[in-house]
Amino acid sequence: MDQLIVVDAANVIGSRPDGWWKDRAGAARRLLAQLAGLGNTADVIVVLEGAAKAGADVASAPLKAVLAEGSGDDAIVEVVATADYDTIIVVTADRELRARVAAHGAETVGPSWLWTRIAE
């Protein structure tokens, strides 16, 4: 596949006030489960940070979870900078991150773009 979708999990999860802050690992697990279908149309990398990293235990092909050692944003930029795809789409609403990944040729979309595709 020549398309990669990189998901800023913290930003996407945080875009919906559904109580995610009470169980960050659980919120990450739910997001990963919901993203499983996207792997049929593109490669998907989900970047998890902090307490949400414990939710990576459910990640399976075709999804790949990247567990950020420090900043999730830095991990996303590293993924984008080293990826070899025709199209890279980063899902985030973070303006600074959008600028950083655009410098490496990535397109950016907001969390609502992703939530719409998950619902389809």
PDB file of N, CA and C in Angstrom:
ATOM      1  N   MET A   1       0.849  -1.187   0.000  1.00  0.00           N
ATOM      2  CA  MET A   1       0.000   0.000   0.000  1.00  0.00           C
ATOM      3  C   MET A   1       0.884   1.236   0.000  1.00  0.00           C
ATOM      4  N   ASP A   2       0.424   2.227  -0.648  1.00  0.00           N
ATOM      5  CA  ASP A   2       1.250   3.430  -0.729  1.00  0.00           C
ATOM      6  C   ASP A   2       0.703   4.575   0.110  1.00  0.00           C
ATOM      7  N   GLN A   3      -0.206   4.274   1.017  1.00  0.00           N
ATOM      8  CA  GLN A   3      -0.741   5.310   1.902  1.00  0.00           C
ATOM      9  C   GLN A   3      -0.549   4.897   3.359  1.00  0.00           C
ATOM     10  N   LEU A   4      -0.101   5.854   4.160  1.00  0.00           N
ATOM     11  CA  LEU A   4       0.072   5.649   5.594  1.00  0.00           C
ATOM     12  C   LEU A   4      -0.770   6.667   6.343  1.00  0.00           C
ATOM     13  N   ILE A   5      -1.512   6.184   7.328  1.00  0.00           N
ATOM     14  CA  ILE A   5      -2.262   7.060   8.222  1.00  0.00           C
ATOM     15  C   ILE A   5      -1.594   6.966   9.586  1.00  0.00           C
ATOM     16  N   VAL A   6      -1.152   8.109  10.106  1.00  0.00           N
ATOM     17  CA  VAL A   6      -0.518   8.183  11.418  1.00  0.00           C
ATOM     18  C   VAL A   6      -1.494   8.875  12.357  1.00  0.00           C
ATOM     19  N   VAL A   7      -1.853   8.215  13.440  1.00  0.00           N
ATOM     20  CA  VAL A   7      -2.880   8.719  14.350  1.00  0.00           C
ATOM     21  C   VAL A   7      -2.249   9.233  15.644  1.00  0.00           C
ATOM     22  N   ASP A   8      -2.487  10.496  15.936  1.00  0.00           N
ATOM     23  CA  ASP A   8      -2.111  11.109  17.211  1.00  0.00           C
ATOM     24  C   ASP A   8      -3.193  10.687  18.203  1.00  0.00           C
ATOM     25  N   ALA A   9      -2.988   9.537  18.837  1.00  0.00           N
ATOM     26  CA  ALA A   9      -4.041   8.948  19.676  1.00  0.00           C
ATOM     27  C   ALA A   9      -4.506   9.883  20.781  1.00  0.00           C
ATOM     28  N   ALA A  10      -3.581  10.560  21.439  1.00  0.00           N
ATOM     29  CA  ALA A  10      -3.971  11.451  22.536  1.00  0.00           C
ATOM     30  C   ALA A  10      -4.902  12.548  22.032  1.00  0.00           C
ATOM     31  N   ASN A  11      -4.592  13.086  20.872  1.00  0.00           N
ATOM     32  CA  ASN A  11      -5.389  14.163  20.317  1.00  0.00           C
ATOM     33  C   ASN A  11      -6.753  13.667  19.854  1.00  0.00           C
ATOM     34  N   VAL A  12      -6.775  12.522  19.206  1.00  0.00           N
ATOM     35  CA  VAL A  12      -8.037  11.960  18.712  1.00  0.00           C
ATOM     36  C   VAL A  12      -8.933  11.549  19.882  1.00  0.00           C
ATOM     37  N   ILE A  13      -8.370  10.840  20.842  1.00  0.00           N
ATOM     38  CA  ILE A  13      -9.155  10.416  22.013  1.00  0.00           C
ATOM     39  C   ILE A  13      -9.671  11.644  22.773  1.00  0.00           C
ATOM     40  N   GLY A  14      -8.825  12.633  22.934  1.00  0.00           N
ATOM     41  CA  GLY A  14      -9.199  13.837  23.666  1.00  0.00           C
ATOM     42  C   GLY A  14     -10.217  14.720  22.972  1.00  0.00           C
ATOM     43  N   SER A  15     -10.504  14.432  21.708  1.00  0.00           N
ATOM     44  CA  SER A  15     -11.463  15.257  20.971  1.00  0.00           C
ATOM     45  C   SER A  15     -12.910  14.952  21.329  1.00  0.00           C
ATOM     46  N   ARG A  16     -13.125  13.897  22.111  1.00  0.00           N
ATOM     47  CA  ARG A  16     -14.483  13.517  22.518  1.00  0.00           C
ATOM     48  C   ARG A  16     -14.550  13.417  24.037  1.00  0.00           C
ATOM     49  N   PRO A  17     -15.397  14.205  24.654  1.00  0.00           N
ATOM     50  CA  PRO A  17     -15.500  14.187  26.125  1.00  0.00           C
ATOM     51  C   PRO A  17     -16.339  13.011  26.624  1.00  0.00           C
ATOM     52  N   ASP A  18     -15.789  11.806  26.496  1.00  0.00           N
ATOM     53  CA  ASP A  18     -16.543  10.608  26.860  1.00  0.00           C
ATOM     54  C   ASP A  18     -16.028   9.927  28.124  1.00  0.00           C
ATOM     55  N   GLY A  19     -15.265  10.662  28.936  1.00  0.00           N
ATOM     56  CA  GLY A  19     -14.724  10.103  30.168  1.00  0.00           C
ATOM     57  C   GLY A  19     -13.383   9.419  29.998  1.00  0.00           C
ATOM     58  N   TRP A  20     -12.730   9.601  28.860  1.00  0.00           N
ATOM     59  CA  TRP A  20     -11.450   8.946  28.572  1.00  0.00           C
ATOM     60  C   TRP A  20     -10.401   9.192  29.653  1.00  0.00           C
ATOM     61  N   TRP A  21     -10.467  10.336  30.316  1.00  0.00           N
ATOM     62  CA  TRP A  21      -9.459  10.702  31.311  1.00  0.00           C
ATOM     63  C   TRP A  21      -9.503   9.803  32.547  1.00  0.00           C
ATOM     64  N   LYS A  22     -10.599   9.076  32.726  1.00  0.00           N
ATOM     65  CA  LYS A  22     -10.721   8.159  33.868  1.00  0.00           C
ATOM     66  C   LYS A  22      -9.989   6.841  33.611  1.00  0.00           C
ATOM     67  N   ASP A  23      -9.797   6.502  32.339  1.00  0.00           N
ATOM     68  CA  ASP A  23      -9.153   5.238  31.971  1.00  0.00           C
ATOM     69  C   ASP A  23      -8.466   5.419  30.620  1.00  0.00           C
ATOM     70  N   ARG A  24      -7.280   5.979  30.649  1.00  0.00           N
ATOM     71  CA  ARG A  24      -6.562   6.285  29.402  1.00  0.00           C
ATOM     72  C   ARG A  24      -6.204   5.019  28.622  1.00  0.00           C
ATOM     73  N   ALA A  25      -5.795   3.963  29.314  1.00  0.00           N
ATOM     74  CA  ALA A  25      -5.473   2.707  28.626  1.00  0.00           C
ATOM     75  C   ALA A  25      -6.725   2.117  27.977  1.00  0.00           C
ATOM     76  N   GLY A  26      -7.835   2.166  28.672  1.00  0.00           N
ATOM     77  CA  GLY A  26      -9.095   1.668  28.118  1.00  0.00           C
ATOM     78  C   GLY A  26      -9.531   2.469  26.903  1.00  0.00           C
ATOM     79  N   ALA A  27      -9.354   3.783  26.964  1.00  0.00           N
ATOM     80  CA  ALA A  27      -9.690   4.630  25.822  1.00  0.00           C
ATOM     81  C   ALA A  27      -8.816   4.280  24.624  1.00  0.00           C
ATOM     82  N   ALA A  28      -7.535   4.008  24.870  1.00  0.00           N
ATOM     83  CA  ALA A  28      -6.624   3.612  23.790  1.00  0.00           C
ATOM     84  C   ALA A  28      -7.054   2.273  23.200  1.00  0.00           C
ATOM     85  N   ARG A  29      -7.436   1.325  24.033  1.00  0.00           N
ATOM     86  CA  ARG A  29      -7.899   0.019  23.549  1.00  0.00           C
ATOM     87  C   ARG A  29      -9.129   0.171  22.653  1.00  0.00           C
ATOM     88  N   ARG A  30     -10.069   1.008  23.094  1.00  0.00           N
ATOM     89  CA  ARG A  30     -11.281   1.219  22.290  1.00  0.00           C
ATOM     90  C   ARG A  30     -10.936   1.833  20.939  1.00  0.00           C
ATOM     91  N   LEU A  31     -10.038   2.820  20.936  1.00  0.00           N
ATOM     92  CA  LEU A  31      -9.649   3.449  19.675  1.00  0.00           C
ATOM     93  C   LEU A  31      -8.982   2.436  18.754  1.00  0.00           C
ATOM     94  N   LEU A  32      -8.056   1.654  19.272  1.00  0.00           N
ATOM     95  CA  LEU A  32      -7.379   0.652  18.447  1.00  0.00           C
ATOM     96  C   LEU A  32      -8.375  -0.340  17.860  1.00  0.00           C
ATOM     97  N   ALA A  33      -9.340  -0.772  18.654  1.00  0.00           N
ATOM     98  CA  ALA A  33     -10.352  -1.703  18.151  1.00  0.00           C
ATOM     99  C   ALA A  33     -11.175  -1.068  17.038  1.00  0.00           C
ATOM    100  N   GLN A  34     -11.502   0.201  17.199  1.00  0.00           N
ATOM    101  CA  GLN A  34     -12.293   0.898  16.189  1.00  0.00           C
ATOM    102  C   GLN A  34     -11.500   1.131  14.902  1.00  0.00           C
ATOM    103  N   LEU A  35     -10.191   1.243  15.008  1.00  0.00           N
ATOM    104  CA  LEU A  35      -9.348   1.522  13.843  1.00  0.00           C
ATOM    105  C   LEU A  35      -9.026   0.283  13.015  1.00  0.00           C
ATOM    106  N   ALA A  36      -9.316  -0.885  13.512  1.00  0.00           N
ATOM    107  CA  ALA A  36      -8.925  -2.127  12.839  1.00  0.00           C
ATOM    108  C   ALA A  36      -9.358  -2.164  11.376  1.00  0.00           C
ATOM    109  N   GLY A  37     -10.532  -1.684  11.050  1.00  0.00           N
ATOM    110  CA  GLY A  37     -11.028  -1.715   9.679  1.00  0.00           C
ATOM    111  C   GLY A  37     -10.295  -0.803   8.718  1.00  0.00           C
ATOM    112  N   LEU A  38      -9.650   0.236   9.231  1.00  0.00           N
ATOM    113  CA  LEU A  38      -8.923   1.149   8.347  1.00  0.00           C
ATOM    114  C   LEU A  38      -7.725   0.478   7.700  1.00  0.00           C
ATOM    115  N   GLY A  39      -7.206  -0.549   8.325  1.00  0.00           N
ATOM    116  CA  GLY A  39      -6.041  -1.238   7.797  1.00  0.00           C
ATOM    117  C   GLY A  39      -6.291  -1.933   6.476  1.00  0.00           C
ATOM    118  N   ASN A  40      -7.540  -2.006   6.055  1.00  0.00           N
ATOM    119  CA  ASN A  40      -7.857  -2.612   4.764  1.00  0.00           C
ATOM    120  C   ASN A  40      -7.566  -1.667   3.614  1.00  0.00           C
ATOM    121  N   THR A  41      -7.482  -0.379   3.890  1.00  0.00           N
ATOM    122  CA  THR A  41      -7.294   0.605   2.827  1.00  0.00           C
ATOM    123  C   THR A  41      -5.958   1.334   2.904  1.00  0.00           C
ATOM    124  N   ALA A  42      -5.287   1.240   4.020  1.00  0.00           N
ATOM    125  CA  ALA A  42      -4.005   1.928   4.210  1.00  0.00           C
ATOM    126  C   ALA A  42      -3.265   1.288   5.367  1.00  0.00           C
ATOM    127  N   ASP A  43      -1.967   1.534   5.444  1.00  0.00           N
ATOM    128  CA  ASP A  43      -1.232   1.148   6.639  1.00  0.00           C
ATOM    129  C   ASP A  43      -1.557   2.172   7.718  1.00  0.00           C
ATOM    130  N   VAL A  44      -1.706   1.714   8.949  1.00  0.00           N
ATOM    131  CA  VAL A  44      -2.093   2.602  10.038  1.00  0.00           C
ATOM    132  C   VAL A  44      -1.102   2.450  11.187  1.00  0.00           C
ATOM    133  N   ILE A  45      -0.553   3.586  11.634  1.00  0.00           N
ATOM    134  CA  ILE A  45       0.302   3.621  12.809  1.00  0.00           C
ATOM    135  C   ILE A  45      -0.363   4.530  13.828  1.00  0.00           C
ATOM    136  N   VAL A  46      -0.558   4.010  15.030  1.00  0.00           N
ATOM    137  CA  VAL A  46      -1.171   4.770  16.112  1.00  0.00           C
ATOM    138  C   VAL A  46      -0.082   5.055  17.141  1.00  0.00           C
ATOM    139  N   VAL A  47       0.127   6.329  17.449  1.00  0.00           N
ATOM    140  CA  VAL A  47       1.154   6.712  18.411  1.00  0.00           C
ATOM    141  C   VAL A  47       0.498   6.942  19.764  1.00  0.00           C
ATOM    142  N   LEU A  48       0.961   6.160  20.752  1.00  0.00           N
ATOM    143  CA  LEU A  48       0.432   6.241  22.106  1.00  0.00           C
ATOM    144  C   LEU A  48       1.505   6.788  23.035  1.00  0.00           C
ATOM    145  N   GLU A  49       1.073   7.560  24.027  1.00  0.00           N
ATOM    146  CA  GLU A  49       2.009   8.115  24.999  1.00  0.00           C
ATOM    147  C   GLU A  49       1.410   8.013  26.397  1.00  0.00           C
ATOM    148  N   GLY A  50       2.265   8.145  27.396  1.00  0.00           N
ATOM    149  CA  GLY A  50       1.808   8.158  28.781  1.00  0.00           C
ATOM    150  C   GLY A  50       1.047   6.906  29.155  1.00  0.00           C
ATOM    151  N   ALA A  51       0.018   7.085  29.988  1.00  0.00           N
ATOM    152  CA  ALA A  51      -0.774   5.968  30.496  1.00  0.00           C
ATOM    153  C   ALA A  51      -1.498   5.203  29.393  1.00  0.00           C
ATOM    154  N   ALA A  52      -1.735   5.851  28.261  1.00  0.00           N
ATOM    155  CA  ALA A  52      -2.433   5.192  27.151  1.00  0.00           C
ATOM    156  C   ALA A  52      -1.619   4.061  26.544  1.00  0.00           C
ATOM    157  N   LYS A  53      -0.303   4.053  26.755  1.00  0.00           N
ATOM    158  CA  LYS A  53       0.544   3.001  26.181  1.00  0.00           C
ATOM    159  C   LYS A  53       0.139   1.609  26.670  1.00  0.00           C
ATOM    160  N   ALA A  54      -0.434   1.536  27.844  1.00  0.00           N
ATOM    161  CA  ALA A  54      -0.872   0.238  28.377  1.00  0.00           C
ATOM    162  C   ALA A  54      -1.995  -0.354  27.533  1.00  0.00           C
ATOM    163  N   GLY A  55      -2.655   0.447  26.720  1.00  0.00           N
ATOM    164  CA  GLY A  55      -3.725  -0.030  25.862  1.00  0.00           C
ATOM    165  C   GLY A  55      -3.244  -0.690  24.587  1.00  0.00           C
ATOM    166  N   ALA A  56      -1.948  -0.676  24.354  1.00  0.00           N
ATOM    167  CA  ALA A  56      -1.393  -1.221  23.110  1.00  0.00           C
ATOM    168  C   ALA A  56      -1.461  -2.732  23.042  1.00  0.00           C
ATOM    169  N   ASP A  57      -1.850  -3.382  24.125  1.00  0.00           N
ATOM    170  CA  ASP A  57      -1.886  -4.842  24.133  1.00  0.00           C
ATOM    171  C   ASP A  57      -2.894  -5.424  23.158  1.00  0.00           C
ATOM    172  N   VAL A  58      -3.808  -4.611  22.634  1.00  0.00           N
ATOM    173  CA  VAL A  58      -4.785  -5.126  21.677  1.00  0.00           C
ATOM    174  C   VAL A  58      -4.415  -4.792  20.236  1.00  0.00           C
ATOM    175  N   ALA A  59      -3.343  -4.054  20.031  1.00  0.00           N
ATOM    176  CA  ALA A  59      -2.940  -3.698  18.675  1.00  0.00           C
ATOM    177  C   ALA A  59      -2.502  -4.946  17.933  1.00  0.00           C
ATOM    178  N   SER A  60      -3.041  -5.120  16.752  1.00  0.00           N
ATOM    179  CA  SER A  60      -2.659  -6.264  15.936  1.00  0.00           C
ATOM    180  C   SER A  60      -2.727  -5.863  14.473  1.00  0.00           C
ATOM    181  N   ALA A  61      -2.099  -6.668  13.644  1.00  0.00           N
ATOM    182  CA  ALA A  61      -2.091  -6.380  12.213  1.00  0.00           C
ATOM    183  C   ALA A  61      -3.524  -6.163  11.764  1.00  0.00           C
ATOM    184  N   PRO A  62      -3.777  -5.234  10.923  1.00  0.00           N
ATOM    185  CA  PRO A  62      -2.845  -4.407  10.184  1.00  0.00           C
ATOM    186  C   PRO A  62      -2.416  -3.121  10.902  1.00  0.00           C
ATOM    187  N   LEU A  63      -2.834  -2.945  12.145  1.00  0.00           N
ATOM    188  CA  LEU A  63      -2.427  -1.748  12.888  1.00  0.00           C
ATOM    189  C   LEU A  63      -1.052  -1.948  13.503  1.00  0.00           C
ATOM    190  N   LYS A  64      -0.348  -0.846  13.636  1.00  0.00           N
ATOM    191  CA  LYS A  64       0.912  -0.879  14.366  1.00  0.00           C
ATOM    192  C   LYS A  64       0.834   0.219  15.421  1.00  0.00           C
ATOM    193  N   ALA A  65       1.170  -0.122  16.657  1.00  0.00           N
ATOM    194  CA  ALA A  65       1.215   0.878  17.722  1.00  0.00           C
ATOM    195  C   ALA A  65       2.665   1.266  17.964  1.00  0.00           C
ATOM    196  N   VAL A  66       2.907   2.560  18.042  1.00  0.00           N
ATOM    197  CA  VAL A  66       4.222   3.081  18.415  1.00  0.00           C
ATOM    198  C   VAL A  66       4.069   3.666  19.805  1.00  0.00           C
ATOM    199  N   LEU A  67       4.890   3.201  20.728  1.00  0.00           N
ATOM    200  CA  LEU A  67       4.834   3.673  22.105  1.00  0.00           C
ATOM    201  C   LEU A  67       5.903   4.745  22.280  1.00  0.00           C
ATOM    202  N   ALA A  68       5.466   5.979  22.447  1.00  0.00           N
ATOM    203  CA  ALA A  68       6.391   7.106  22.551  1.00  0.00           C
ATOM    204  C   ALA A  68       7.190   7.016  23.838  1.00  0.00           C
ATOM    205  N   GLU A  69       8.493   7.125  23.715  1.00  0.00           N
ATOM    206  CA  GLU A  69       9.361   7.138  24.893  1.00  0.00           C
ATOM    207  C   GLU A  69       9.189   8.442  25.670  1.00  0.00           C
ATOM    208  N   GLY A  70       9.008   9.521  24.946  1.00  0.00           N
ATOM    209  CA  GLY A  70       8.825  10.835  25.553  1.00  0.00           C
ATOM    210  C   GLY A  70       7.585  11.477  24.959  1.00  0.00           C
ATOM    211  N   SER A  71       7.803  12.527  24.215  1.00  0.00           N
ATOM    212  CA  SER A  71       6.716  13.261  23.582  1.00  0.00           C
ATOM    213  C   SER A  71       6.083  12.461  22.443  1.00  0.00           C
ATOM    214  N   GLY A  72       4.774  12.361  22.478  1.00  0.00           N
ATOM    215  CA  GLY A  72       4.058  11.717  21.384  1.00  0.00           C
ATOM    216  C   GLY A  72       4.247  12.475  20.081  1.00  0.00           C
ATOM    217  N   ASP A  73       4.271  13.800  20.163  1.00  0.00           N
ATOM    218  CA  ASP A  73       4.476  14.609  18.960  1.00  0.00           C
ATOM    219  C   ASP A  73       5.823  14.319  18.331  1.00  0.00           C
ATOM    220  N   ASP A  74       6.862  14.205  19.151  1.00  0.00           N
ATOM    221  CA  ASP A  74       8.190  13.893  18.617  1.00  0.00           C
ATOM    222  C   ASP A  74       8.192  12.524  17.946  1.00  0.00           C
ATOM    223  N   ALA A  75       7.503  11.561  18.528  1.00  0.00           N
ATOM    224  CA  ALA A  75       7.425  10.219  17.939  1.00  0.00           C
ATOM    225  C   ALA A  75       6.691  10.261  16.603  1.00  0.00           C
ATOM    226  N   ILE A  76       5.639  11.052  16.506  1.00  0.00           N
ATOM    227  CA  ILE A  76       4.893  11.177  15.253  1.00  0.00           C
ATOM    228  C   ILE A  76       5.781  11.782  14.178  1.00  0.00           C
ATOM    229  N   VAL A  77       6.511  12.833  14.512  1.00  0.00           N
ATOM    230  CA  VAL A  77       7.408  13.464  13.544  1.00  0.00           C
ATOM    231  C   VAL A  77       8.464  12.464  13.078  1.00  0.00           C
ATOM    232  N   GLU A  78       8.987  11.667  13.987  1.00  0.00           N
ATOM    233  CA  GLU A  78       9.989  10.665  13.616  1.00  0.00           C
ATOM    234  C   GLU A  78       9.396   9.620  12.668  1.00  0.00           C
ATOM    235  N   VAL A  79       8.183   9.166  12.949  1.00  0.00           N
ATOM    236  CA  VAL A  79       7.512   8.204  12.069  1.00  0.00           C
ATOM    237  C   VAL A  79       7.367   8.794  10.674  1.00  0.00           C
ATOM    238  N   VAL A  80       6.889  10.025  10.597  1.00  0.00           N
ATOM    239  CA  VAL A  80       6.667  10.675   9.303  1.00  0.00           C
ATOM    240  C   VAL A  80       7.985  10.886   8.565  1.00  0.00           C
ATOM    241  N   ALA A  81       8.996  11.337   9.284  1.00  0.00           N
ATOM    242  CA  ALA A  81      10.283  11.649   8.655  1.00  0.00           C
ATOM    243  C   ALA A  81      10.963  10.406   8.083  1.00  0.00           C
ATOM    244  N   THR A  82      10.692   9.236   8.653  1.00  0.00           N
ATOM    245  CA  THR A  82      11.374   8.020   8.207  1.00  0.00           C
ATOM    246  C   THR A  82      10.497   7.113   7.340  1.00  0.00           C
ATOM    247  N   ALA A  83       9.226   7.448   7.177  1.00  0.00           N
ATOM    248  CA  ALA A  83       8.308   6.610   6.406  1.00  0.00           C
ATOM    249  C   ALA A  83       8.534   6.796   4.906  1.00  0.00           C
ATOM    250  N   ASP A  84       8.346   5.710   4.164  1.00  0.00           N
ATOM    251  CA  ASP A  84       8.507   5.736   2.710  1.00  0.00           C
ATOM    252  C   ASP A  84       7.182   5.356   2.059  1.00  0.00           C
ATOM    253  N   TYR A  85       6.306   6.349   1.935  1.00  0.00           N
ATOM    254  CA  TYR A  85       4.980   6.165   1.351  1.00  0.00           C
ATOM    255  C   TYR A  85       4.713   7.293   0.366  1.00  0.00           C
ATOM    256  N   ASP A  86       3.851   7.028  -0.618  1.00  0.00           N
ATOM    257  CA  ASP A  86       3.450   8.075  -1.551  1.00  0.00           C
ATOM    258  C   ASP A  86       2.647   9.150  -0.832  1.00  0.00           C
ATOM    259  N   THR A  87       1.772   8.715   0.075  1.00  0.00           N
ATOM    260  CA  THR A  87       0.915   9.633   0.814  1.00  0.00           C
ATOM    261  C   THR A  87       0.976   9.299   2.299  1.00  0.00           C
ATOM    262  N   ILE A  88       1.220  10.329   3.102  1.00  0.00           N
ATOM    263  CA  ILE A  88       1.187  10.176   4.556  1.00  0.00           C
ATOM    264  C   ILE A  88       0.168  11.165   5.091  1.00  0.00           C
ATOM    265  N   ILE A  89      -0.798  10.655   5.827  1.00  0.00           N
ATOM    266  CA  ILE A  89      -1.834  11.492   6.432  1.00  0.00           C
ATOM    267  C   ILE A  89      -1.672  11.396   7.942  1.00  0.00           C
ATOM    268  N   VAL A  90      -1.537  12.535   8.603  1.00  0.00           N
ATOM    269  CA  VAL A  90      -1.434  12.581  10.059  1.00  0.00           C
ATOM    270  C   VAL A  90      -2.746  13.116  10.604  1.00  0.00           C
ATOM    271  N   VAL A  91      -3.333  12.379  11.524  1.00  0.00           N
ATOM    272  CA  VAL A  91      -4.601  12.766  12.134  1.00  0.00           C
ATOM    273  C   VAL A  91      -4.307  13.452  13.458  1.00  0.00           C
ATOM    274  N   THR A  92      -4.518  14.769  13.488  1.00  0.00           N
ATOM    275  CA  THR A  92      -4.307  15.560  14.698  1.00  0.00           C
ATOM    276  C   THR A  92      -4.952  16.928  14.515  1.00  0.00           C
ATOM    277  N   ALA A  93      -5.290  17.561  15.623  1.00  0.00           N
ATOM    278  CA  ALA A  93      -5.772  18.937  15.589  1.00  0.00           C
ATOM    279  C   ALA A  93      -4.709  19.890  16.142  1.00  0.00           C
ATOM    280  N   ASP A  94      -3.564  19.344  16.513  1.00  0.00           N
ATOM    281  CA  ASP A  94      -2.477  20.117  17.107  1.00  0.00           C
ATOM    282  C   ASP A  94      -1.790  20.954  16.025  1.00  0.00           C
ATOM    283  N   ARG A  95      -1.924  22.262  16.100  1.00  0.00           N
ATOM    284  CA  ARG A  95      -1.384  23.153  15.053  1.00  0.00           C
ATOM    285  C   ARG A  95       0.122  23.059  14.914  1.00  0.00           C
ATOM    286  N   GLU A  96       0.816  23.011  16.024  1.00  0.00           N
ATOM    287  CA  GLU A  96       2.278  22.923  15.957  1.00  0.00           C
ATOM    288  C   GLU A  96       2.703  21.603  15.309  1.00  0.00           C
ATOM    289  N   LEU A  97       2.063  20.517  15.685  1.00  0.00           N
ATOM    290  CA  LEU A  97       2.386  19.219  15.099  1.00  0.00           C
ATOM    291  C   LEU A  97       2.067  19.220  13.605  1.00  0.00           C
ATOM    292  N   ARG A  98       0.963  19.825  13.226  1.00  0.00           N
ATOM    293  CA  ARG A  98       0.601  19.906  11.803  1.00  0.00           C
ATOM    294  C   ARG A  98       1.725  20.573  11.006  1.00  0.00           C
ATOM    295  N   ALA A  99       2.269  21.644  11.536  1.00  0.00           N
ATOM    296  CA  ALA A  99       3.358  22.347  10.844  1.00  0.00           C
ATOM    297  C   ALA A  99       4.610  21.477  10.782  1.00  0.00           C
ATOM    298  N   ARG A 100       4.899  20.779  11.854  1.00  0.00           N
ATOM    299  CA  ARG A 100       6.109  19.951  11.898  1.00  0.00           C
ATOM    300  C   ARG A 100       6.051  18.806  10.887  1.00  0.00           C
ATOM    301  N   VAL A 101       4.905  18.143  10.769  1.00  0.00           N
ATOM    302  CA  VAL A 101       4.823  17.017   9.827  1.00  0.00           C
ATOM    303  C   VAL A 101       4.675  17.494   8.386  1.00  0.00           C
ATOM    304  N   ALA A 102       4.062  18.661   8.193  1.00  0.00           N
ATOM    305  CA  ALA A 102       3.960  19.224   6.842  1.00  0.00           C
ATOM    306  C   ALA A 102       5.352  19.497   6.275  1.00  0.00           C
ATOM    307  N   ALA A 103       6.290  19.853   7.140  1.00  0.00           N
ATOM    308  CA  ALA A 103       7.666  20.091   6.706  1.00  0.00           C
ATOM    309  C   ALA A 103       8.301  18.821   6.134  1.00  0.00           C
ATOM    310  N   HIS A 104       7.723  17.661   6.456  1.00  0.00           N
ATOM    311  CA  HIS A 104       8.218  16.384   5.930  1.00  0.00           C
ATOM    312  C   HIS A 104       7.311  15.847   4.821  1.00  0.00           C
ATOM    313  N   GLY A 105       6.390  16.680   4.334  1.00  0.00           N
ATOM    314  CA  GLY A 105       5.542  16.305   3.209  1.00  0.00           C
ATOM    315  C   GLY A 105       4.245  15.609   3.556  1.00  0.00           C
ATOM    316  N   ALA A 106       3.900  15.522   4.834  1.00  0.00           N
ATOM    317  CA  ALA A 106       2.660  14.848   5.231  1.00  0.00           C
ATOM    318  C   ALA A 106       1.461  15.780   5.090  1.00  0.00           C
ATOM    319  N   GLU A 107       0.326  15.191   4.802  1.00  0.00           N
ATOM    320  CA  GLU A 107      -0.948  15.904   4.833  1.00  0.00           C
ATOM    321  C   GLU A 107      -1.486  15.774   6.252  1.00  0.00           C
ATOM    322  N   THR A 108      -2.345  16.697   6.660  1.00  0.00           N
ATOM    323  CA  THR A 108      -2.954  16.579   7.976  1.00  0.00           C
ATOM    324  C   THR A 108      -4.466  16.723   7.875  1.00  0.00           C
ATOM    325  N   VAL A 109      -5.140  16.007   8.763  1.00  0.00           N
ATOM    326  CA  VAL A 109      -6.590  16.084   8.887  1.00  0.00           C
ATOM    327  C   VAL A 109      -6.916  16.087  10.372  1.00  0.00           C
ATOM    328  N   GLY A 110      -8.086  16.573  10.711  1.00  0.00           N
ATOM    329  CA  GLY A 110      -8.506  16.623  12.103  1.00  0.00           C
ATOM    330  C   GLY A 110      -9.146  15.324  12.560  1.00  0.00           C
ATOM    331  N   PRO A 111      -9.344  15.193  13.872  1.00  0.00           N
ATOM    332  CA  PRO A 111      -9.956  13.987  14.426  1.00  0.00           C
ATOM    333  C   PRO A 111     -11.325  13.650  13.829  1.00  0.00           C
ATOM    334  N   SER A 112     -12.117  14.638  13.463  1.00  0.00           N
ATOM    335  CA  SER A 112     -13.449  14.347  12.921  1.00  0.00           C
ATOM    336  C   SER A 112     -13.356  13.550  11.621  1.00  0.00           C
ATOM    337  N   TRP A 113     -12.303  13.780  10.844  1.00  0.00           N
ATOM    338  CA  TRP A 113     -12.072  13.005   9.618  1.00  0.00           C
ATOM    339  C   TRP A 113     -11.973  11.514   9.958  1.00  0.00           C
ATOM    340  N   LEU A 114     -11.228  11.217  11.006  1.00  0.00           N
ATOM    341  CA  LEU A 114     -11.034   9.831  11.425  1.00  0.00           C
ATOM    342  C   LEU A 114     -12.311   9.244  12.009  1.00  0.00           C
ATOM    343  N   TRP A 115     -12.969   9.986  12.904  1.00  0.00           N
ATOM    344  CA  TRP A 115     -14.193   9.480  13.520  1.00  0.00           C
ATOM    345  C   TRP A 115     -15.240   9.165  12.454  1.00  0.00           C
ATOM    346  N   THR A 116     -15.305   9.972  11.387  1.00  0.00           N
ATOM    347  CA  THR A 116     -16.257   9.717  10.306  1.00  0.00           C
ATOM    348  C   THR A 116     -15.940   8.405   9.619  1.00  0.00           C
ATOM    349  N   ARG A 117     -14.664   8.126   9.359  1.00  0.00           N
ATOM    350  CA  ARG A 117     -14.281   6.887   8.688  1.00  0.00           C
ATOM    351  C   ARG A 117     -14.507   5.663   9.579  1.00  0.00           C
ATOM    352  N   ILE A 118     -14.312   5.823  10.868  1.00  0.00           N
ATOM    353  CA  ILE A 118     -14.546   4.714  11.791  1.00  0.00           C
ATOM    354  C   ILE A 118     -16.028   4.348  11.808  1.00  0.00           C
ATOM    355  N   ALA A 119     -16.874   5.358  11.714  1.00  0.00           N
ATOM    356  CA  ALA A 119     -18.326   5.147  11.773  1.00  0.00           C
ATOM    357  C   ALA A 119     -18.893   4.516  10.499  1.00  0.00           C
ATOM    358  N   GLU A 120     -18.155   4.582   9.387  1.00  0.00           N
ATOM    359  CA  GLU A 120     -18.675   4.073   8.107  1.00  0.00           C
ATOM    360  C   GLU A 120     -18.784   2.572   8.085  1.00  0.00           C
TER     361      GLU A 120
END
